[in-house]
Amino acid sequence: MKEITGADLFVKALKEEAVDTLFAYPGGQAIDLFDALYGEREIDVILPRHEQGLIHAADGYARSTGKVGVCLVTSGPGATNLVTGIATANYDSVPLVCFTGQVSTHLIGNIAYLLKVSFEICDCVIISVRV
């Protein structure tokens, strides 16, 4: 019996929710999700040049199609680059769902890991809570 990974479940959930377009920008903490999406024929993955363009494209997609705009980015700066677009969509009642990668829980607060890749860790909930 094949083991189902979290990334496989992510793709399955997108399909079950009838997501046919995903605005996504790859990065280290989300790479397993991109591997699971590779070759997926039911979901069109749109790769922008930057996360800020991604979130505004998803917003425009939602406004023009009436569907939910769905985004996927990595942790840290990938996630923080979504905040302005999330605020815009929120204030205009545009439906968006944004997924971000995150480092493993046991690495959060680990000083050795923080010194190595501190840019990958931020508290996205605190950053976006007022939005």
N, C-alpha and C. Protein backbone atom coordinates (compact mmCIF):
# COMPACT_ATOMS: atom_id res chain seq x y z
N MET A 1 0.84 -1.18 0.00
CA MET A 1 0.00 0.00 0.00
C MET A 1 0.89 1.25 0.00
N LYS A 2 0.60 2.17 -0.90
CA LYS A 2 1.39 3.39 -1.00
C LYS A 2 1.07 4.34 0.15
N GLU A 3 2.12 4.87 0.72
CA GLU A 3 1.95 5.85 1.78
C GLU A 3 1.55 7.19 1.17
N ILE A 4 0.57 7.84 1.76
CA ILE A 4 0.12 9.14 1.27
C ILE A 4 0.82 10.22 2.07
N THR A 5 1.46 11.15 1.38
CA THR A 5 2.17 12.23 2.05
C THR A 5 1.24 13.41 2.28
N GLY A 6 1.69 14.34 3.09
CA GLY A 6 0.93 15.57 3.30
C GLY A 6 0.78 16.34 2.00
N ALA A 7 1.80 16.31 1.17
CA ALA A 7 1.74 16.99 -0.13
C ALA A 7 0.68 16.36 -1.03
N ASP A 8 0.59 15.04 -1.01
CA ASP A 8 -0.44 14.34 -1.78
C ASP A 8 -1.84 14.73 -1.27
N LEU A 9 -1.98 14.83 0.03
CA LEU A 9 -3.27 15.23 0.62
C LEU A 9 -3.62 16.66 0.24
N PHE A 10 -2.60 17.52 0.16
CA PHE A 10 -2.81 18.91 -0.25
C PHE A 10 -3.41 18.95 -1.66
N VAL A 11 -2.81 18.21 -2.58
CA VAL A 11 -3.30 18.18 -3.96
C VAL A 11 -4.70 17.57 -4.02
N LYS A 12 -4.92 16.51 -3.27
CA LYS A 12 -6.24 15.88 -3.22
C LYS A 12 -7.30 16.86 -2.71
N ALA A 13 -6.95 17.62 -1.68
CA ALA A 13 -7.89 18.60 -1.12
C ALA A 13 -8.21 19.70 -2.15
N LEU A 14 -7.20 20.14 -2.88
CA LEU A 14 -7.45 21.15 -3.92
C LEU A 14 -8.44 20.62 -4.95
N LYS A 15 -8.23 19.39 -5.36
CA LYS A 15 -9.15 18.78 -6.34
C LYS A 15 -10.56 18.64 -5.79
N GLU A 16 -10.68 18.21 -4.53
CA GLU A 16 -11.99 18.05 -3.92
C GLU A 16 -12.74 19.37 -3.79
N GLU A 17 -11.98 20.45 -3.69
CA GLU A 17 -12.59 21.78 -3.61
C GLU A 17 -12.75 22.42 -5.00
N ALA A 18 -12.50 21.63 -6.05
CA ALA A 18 -12.66 22.06 -7.45
C ALA A 18 -11.73 23.21 -7.83
N VAL A 19 -10.55 23.24 -7.22
CA VAL A 19 -9.55 24.24 -7.60
C VAL A 19 -8.94 23.81 -8.93
N ASP A 20 -9.08 24.66 -9.94
CA ASP A 20 -8.50 24.33 -11.24
C ASP A 20 -7.33 25.23 -11.61
N THR A 21 -7.13 26.30 -10.83
CA THR A 21 -6.03 27.23 -11.05
C THR A 21 -5.38 27.57 -9.72
N LEU A 22 -4.06 27.45 -9.68
CA LEU A 22 -3.30 27.73 -8.47
C LEU A 22 -2.18 28.70 -8.82
N PHE A 23 -2.14 29.82 -8.14
CA PHE A 23 -1.07 30.80 -8.33
C PHE A 23 0.01 30.45 -7.32
N ALA A 24 1.17 30.05 -7.81
CA ALA A 24 2.16 29.48 -6.90
C ALA A 24 3.58 29.92 -7.25
N TYR A 25 4.37 30.16 -6.20
CA TYR A 25 5.77 30.54 -6.36
C TYR A 25 6.61 29.61 -5.48
N PRO A 26 7.52 28.87 -6.08
CA PRO A 26 8.25 27.83 -5.32
C PRO A 26 9.27 28.40 -4.33
N GLY A 27 9.54 27.62 -3.33
CA GLY A 27 10.55 27.95 -2.34
C GLY A 27 10.81 26.73 -1.47
N GLY A 28 11.88 26.78 -0.72
CA GLY A 28 12.36 25.63 0.04
C GLY A 28 11.33 24.94 0.91
N GLN A 29 10.53 25.69 1.65
CA GLN A 29 9.61 25.08 2.60
C GLN A 29 8.31 24.61 1.96
N ALA A 30 8.13 24.88 0.66
CA ALA A 30 6.92 24.41 -0.03
C ALA A 30 7.25 23.48 -1.18
N ILE A 31 8.50 23.10 -1.30
CA ILE A 31 8.95 22.36 -2.48
C ILE A 31 8.27 20.98 -2.61
N ASP A 32 7.98 20.33 -1.49
CA ASP A 32 7.29 19.04 -1.56
C ASP A 32 5.90 19.18 -2.18
N LEU A 33 5.25 20.31 -1.92
CA LEU A 33 3.94 20.56 -2.51
C LEU A 33 4.06 20.73 -4.02
N PHE A 34 5.12 21.41 -4.45
CA PHE A 34 5.35 21.59 -5.89
C PHE A 34 5.67 20.26 -6.55
N ASP A 35 6.42 19.42 -5.87
CA ASP A 35 6.70 18.08 -6.41
C ASP A 35 5.41 17.30 -6.62
N ALA A 36 4.49 17.41 -5.66
CA ALA A 36 3.21 16.70 -5.77
C ALA A 36 2.34 17.28 -6.89
N LEU A 37 2.50 18.56 -7.17
CA LEU A 37 1.72 19.21 -8.22
C LEU A 37 2.29 18.96 -9.61
N TYR A 38 3.56 18.57 -9.68
CA TYR A 38 4.22 18.38 -10.96
C TYR A 38 3.48 17.33 -11.80
N GLY A 39 3.13 17.70 -13.00
CA GLY A 39 2.44 16.77 -13.88
C GLY A 39 0.95 16.65 -13.62
N GLU A 40 0.45 17.37 -12.64
CA GLU A 40 -0.98 17.33 -12.31
C GLU A 40 -1.76 18.01 -13.43
N ARG A 41 -2.64 17.29 -14.07
CA ARG A 41 -3.36 17.81 -15.23
C ARG A 41 -4.64 18.58 -14.87
N GLU A 42 -5.17 18.33 -13.70
CA GLU A 42 -6.44 18.96 -13.32
C GLU A 42 -6.26 20.36 -12.72
N ILE A 43 -5.03 20.70 -12.35
CA ILE A 43 -4.78 22.00 -11.74
C ILE A 43 -3.74 22.74 -12.57
N ASP A 44 -4.12 23.91 -13.06
CA ASP A 44 -3.21 24.75 -13.83
C ASP A 44 -2.40 25.61 -12.84
N VAL A 45 -1.10 25.40 -12.80
CA VAL A 45 -0.24 26.15 -11.88
C VAL A 45 0.33 27.36 -12.62
N ILE A 46 0.00 28.54 -12.12
CA ILE A 46 0.48 29.80 -12.69
C ILE A 46 1.69 30.25 -11.89
N LEU A 47 2.84 30.40 -12.54
CA LEU A 47 4.08 30.79 -11.89
C LEU A 47 4.42 32.24 -12.24
N PRO A 48 4.24 33.16 -11.30
CA PRO A 48 4.55 34.57 -11.56
C PRO A 48 6.04 34.84 -11.34
N ARG A 49 6.44 36.07 -11.50
CA ARG A 49 7.83 36.45 -11.24
C ARG A 49 8.08 36.81 -9.77
N HIS A 50 7.01 37.06 -9.03
CA HIS A 50 7.16 37.49 -7.64
C HIS A 50 5.87 37.21 -6.89
N GLU A 51 5.97 37.02 -5.57
CA GLU A 51 4.78 36.71 -4.77
C GLU A 51 3.77 37.85 -4.79
N GLN A 52 4.23 39.10 -4.84
CA GLN A 52 3.28 40.21 -4.85
C GLN A 52 2.45 40.20 -6.13
N GLY A 53 3.07 39.88 -7.25
CA GLY A 53 2.32 39.74 -8.50
C GLY A 53 1.35 38.57 -8.41
N LEU A 54 1.77 37.52 -7.74
CA LEU A 54 0.96 36.32 -7.56
C LEU A 54 -0.35 36.63 -6.84
N ILE A 55 -0.25 37.33 -5.74
CA ILE A 55 -1.45 37.58 -4.93
C ILE A 55 -2.43 38.50 -5.67
N HIS A 56 -1.89 39.48 -6.40
CA HIS A 56 -2.76 40.38 -7.16
C HIS A 56 -3.37 39.66 -8.37
N ALA A 57 -2.63 38.73 -8.96
CA ALA A 57 -3.18 37.92 -10.06
C ALA A 57 -4.31 37.03 -9.54
N ALA A 58 -4.12 36.43 -8.37
CA ALA A 58 -5.16 35.59 -7.78
C ALA A 58 -6.40 36.43 -7.45
N ASP A 59 -6.18 37.64 -6.98
CA ASP A 59 -7.27 38.58 -6.69
C ASP A 59 -8.03 38.87 -8.00
N GLY A 60 -7.31 39.21 -9.05
CA GLY A 60 -7.94 39.50 -10.33
C GLY A 60 -8.68 38.30 -10.89
N TYR A 61 -8.10 37.12 -10.72
CA TYR A 61 -8.74 35.88 -11.15
C TYR A 61 -10.07 35.68 -10.43
N ALA A 62 -10.06 35.88 -9.12
CA ALA A 62 -11.28 35.72 -8.33
C ALA A 62 -12.34 36.74 -8.74
N ARG A 63 -11.93 37.97 -8.96
CA ARG A 63 -12.88 39.01 -9.36
C ARG A 63 -13.48 38.73 -10.73
N SER A 64 -12.67 38.24 -11.65
CA SER A 64 -13.15 38.06 -13.02
C SER A 64 -13.88 36.74 -13.26
N THR A 65 -13.62 35.72 -12.45
CA THR A 65 -14.25 34.42 -12.68
C THR A 65 -15.35 34.09 -11.68
N GLY A 66 -15.33 34.75 -10.52
CA GLY A 66 -16.27 34.42 -9.45
C GLY A 66 -15.83 33.21 -8.64
N LYS A 67 -14.67 32.65 -8.98
CA LYS A 67 -14.12 31.52 -8.22
C LYS A 67 -13.20 32.05 -7.14
N VAL A 68 -12.77 31.17 -6.26
CA VAL A 68 -11.82 31.54 -5.21
C VAL A 68 -10.41 31.58 -5.82
N GLY A 69 -9.67 32.63 -5.52
CA GLY A 69 -8.27 32.71 -5.92
C GLY A 69 -7.44 31.93 -4.91
N VAL A 70 -6.62 30.99 -5.39
CA VAL A 70 -5.85 30.13 -4.49
C VAL A 70 -4.36 30.35 -4.75
N CYS A 71 -3.61 30.56 -3.67
CA CYS A 71 -2.19 30.87 -3.75
C CYS A 71 -1.37 29.87 -2.93
N LEU A 72 -0.12 29.69 -3.36
CA LEU A 72 0.83 28.88 -2.61
C LEU A 72 2.20 29.54 -2.71
N VAL A 73 2.81 29.80 -1.55
CA VAL A 73 4.16 30.38 -1.50
C VAL A 73 4.94 29.70 -0.38
N THR A 74 6.20 30.01 -0.30
CA THR A 74 7.04 29.47 0.77
C THR A 74 6.93 30.34 2.02
N SER A 75 7.63 29.94 3.05
CA SER A 75 7.58 30.67 4.32
C SER A 75 8.40 31.95 4.24
N GLY A 76 8.43 32.67 5.35
CA GLY A 76 9.25 33.88 5.45
C GLY A 76 8.83 34.96 4.49
N PRO A 77 9.77 35.44 3.66
CA PRO A 77 9.44 36.54 2.76
C PRO A 77 8.37 36.18 1.73
N GLY A 78 8.28 34.92 1.37
CA GLY A 78 7.22 34.51 0.46
C GLY A 78 5.87 34.81 1.04
N ALA A 79 5.71 34.50 2.31
CA ALA A 79 4.44 34.74 3.00
C ALA A 79 4.20 36.22 3.25
N THR A 80 5.23 36.95 3.67
CA THR A 80 5.02 38.37 3.97
C THR A 80 4.72 39.18 2.72
N ASN A 81 5.18 38.73 1.57
CA ASN A 81 4.89 39.44 0.32
C ASN A 81 3.42 39.35 -0.09
N LEU A 82 2.65 38.52 0.58
CA LEU A 82 1.23 38.38 0.26
C LEU A 82 0.35 39.39 1.00
N VAL A 83 0.87 40.01 2.04
CA VAL A 83 0.02 40.77 2.97
C VAL A 83 -0.77 41.88 2.29
N THR A 84 -0.16 42.69 1.44
CA THR A 84 -0.88 43.79 0.80
C THR A 84 -2.02 43.27 -0.06
N GLY A 85 -1.77 42.21 -0.83
CA GLY A 85 -2.81 41.63 -1.66
C GLY A 85 -3.94 41.01 -0.85
N ILE A 86 -3.58 40.39 0.27
CA ILE A 86 -4.61 39.83 1.16
C ILE A 86 -5.48 40.96 1.70
N ALA A 87 -4.86 42.07 2.09
CA ALA A 87 -5.62 43.21 2.61
C ALA A 87 -6.55 43.77 1.53
N THR A 88 -6.05 43.93 0.32
CA THR A 88 -6.87 44.42 -0.79
C THR A 88 -8.08 43.53 -1.00
N ALA A 89 -7.85 42.24 -1.10
CA ALA A 89 -8.96 41.30 -1.32
C ALA A 89 -9.93 41.31 -0.15
N ASN A 90 -9.40 41.36 1.06
CA ASN A 90 -10.26 41.37 2.25
C ASN A 90 -11.17 42.59 2.27
N TYR A 91 -10.61 43.76 2.02
CA TYR A 91 -11.41 44.99 2.08
C TYR A 91 -12.46 45.03 0.99
N ASP A 92 -12.22 44.34 -0.13
CA ASP A 92 -13.18 44.31 -1.23
C ASP A 92 -14.02 43.03 -1.25
N SER A 93 -13.90 42.21 -0.22
CA SER A 93 -14.65 40.95 -0.10
C SER A 93 -14.41 40.00 -1.27
N VAL A 94 -13.15 39.91 -1.69
CA VAL A 94 -12.76 38.99 -2.76
C VAL A 94 -12.28 37.69 -2.12
N PRO A 95 -12.81 36.55 -2.54
CA PRO A 95 -12.44 35.29 -1.90
C PRO A 95 -11.04 34.80 -2.31
N LEU A 96 -10.15 34.69 -1.34
CA LEU A 96 -8.80 34.17 -1.54
C LEU A 96 -8.49 33.12 -0.49
N VAL A 97 -7.73 32.12 -0.87
CA VAL A 97 -7.17 31.16 0.08
C VAL A 97 -5.67 31.13 -0.20
N CYS A 98 -4.88 31.37 0.83
CA CYS A 98 -3.43 31.42 0.67
C CYS A 98 -2.76 30.37 1.55
N PHE A 99 -1.94 29.55 0.93
CA PHE A 99 -1.17 28.53 1.64
C PHE A 99 0.29 28.94 1.65
N THR A 100 0.95 28.73 2.79
CA THR A 100 2.39 28.99 2.86
C THR A 100 3.10 27.77 3.43
N GLY A 101 4.32 27.61 3.00
CA GLY A 101 5.16 26.59 3.61
C GLY A 101 5.57 27.07 5.00
N GLN A 102 6.17 26.18 5.77
CA GLN A 102 6.68 26.56 7.09
C GLN A 102 7.75 25.55 7.48
N VAL A 103 8.72 26.00 8.24
CA VAL A 103 9.75 25.09 8.72
C VAL A 103 9.12 24.11 9.70
N SER A 104 9.75 22.99 9.90
CA SER A 104 9.25 22.00 10.85
C SER A 104 9.13 22.61 12.24
N THR A 105 8.11 22.21 12.95
CA THR A 105 7.84 22.80 14.27
C THR A 105 9.02 22.68 15.22
N HIS A 106 9.74 21.57 15.16
CA HIS A 106 10.86 21.39 16.09
C HIS A 106 12.02 22.34 15.79
N LEU A 107 12.02 22.99 14.62
CA LEU A 107 13.08 23.94 14.28
C LEU A 107 12.75 25.38 14.67
N ILE A 108 11.48 25.65 14.94
CA ILE A 108 11.10 27.00 15.33
C ILE A 108 11.69 27.29 16.71
N GLY A 109 12.45 28.36 16.80
CA GLY A 109 13.11 28.73 18.04
C GLY A 109 14.48 28.10 18.22
N ASN A 110 14.89 27.21 17.32
CA ASN A 110 16.21 26.58 17.38
C ASN A 110 17.25 27.58 16.90
N ILE A 111 18.09 28.06 17.79
CA ILE A 111 19.02 29.14 17.48
C ILE A 111 20.01 28.76 16.38
N ALA A 112 20.47 27.51 16.35
CA ALA A 112 21.40 27.10 15.30
C ALA A 112 20.72 27.17 13.94
N TYR A 113 19.49 26.74 13.88
CA TYR A 113 18.76 26.80 12.62
C TYR A 113 18.45 28.24 12.25
N LEU A 114 18.09 29.04 13.24
CA LEU A 114 17.78 30.45 12.97
C LEU A 114 18.97 31.19 12.39
N LEU A 115 20.16 30.90 12.89
CA LEU A 115 21.36 31.56 12.38
C LEU A 115 21.64 31.17 10.93
N LYS A 116 21.22 29.98 10.57
CA LYS A 116 21.46 29.48 9.22
C LYS A 116 20.47 30.06 8.21
N VAL A 117 19.20 30.04 8.53
CA VAL A 117 18.17 30.49 7.59
C VAL A 117 17.09 31.33 8.28
N SER A 118 17.47 32.33 9.01
CA SER A 118 16.50 33.10 9.78
C SER A 118 15.46 33.78 8.91
N PHE A 119 15.75 34.02 7.64
CA PHE A 119 14.78 34.68 6.78
C PHE A 119 13.58 33.79 6.48
N GLU A 120 13.66 32.50 6.74
CA GLU A 120 12.56 31.59 6.43
C GLU A 120 11.52 31.53 7.54
N ILE A 121 11.76 32.20 8.65
CA ILE A 121 10.85 32.08 9.78
C ILE A 121 10.26 33.45 10.12
N CYS A 122 8.97 33.53 10.15
CA CYS A 122 8.29 34.73 10.64
C CYS A 122 6.91 34.30 11.12
N ASP A 123 6.32 35.10 11.96
CA ASP A 123 5.00 34.79 12.48
C ASP A 123 3.96 35.44 11.57
N CYS A 124 3.52 34.68 10.58
CA CYS A 124 2.58 35.19 9.58
C CYS A 124 1.22 35.53 10.17
N VAL A 125 0.85 34.85 11.23
CA VAL A 125 -0.44 35.14 11.85
C VAL A 125 -0.41 36.56 12.44
N ILE A 126 0.64 36.88 13.17
CA ILE A 126 0.75 38.21 13.77
C ILE A 126 0.83 39.29 12.68
N ILE A 127 1.56 38.99 11.61
CA ILE A 127 1.71 39.98 10.53
C ILE A 127 0.38 40.27 9.86
N SER A 128 -0.45 39.27 9.70
CA SER A 128 -1.69 39.46 8.93
C SER A 128 -2.96 39.55 9.77
N VAL A 129 -2.85 39.48 11.08
CA VAL A 129 -4.05 39.43 11.93
C VAL A 129 -4.92 40.69 11.78
N ARG A 130 -4.33 41.83 11.57
CA ARG A 130 -5.12 43.07 11.45
C ARG A 130 -5.79 43.20 10.08
N VAL A 131 -5.34 42.38 9.14
CA VAL A 131 -5.92 42.43 7.81
C VAL A 131 -7.25 41.77 7.86
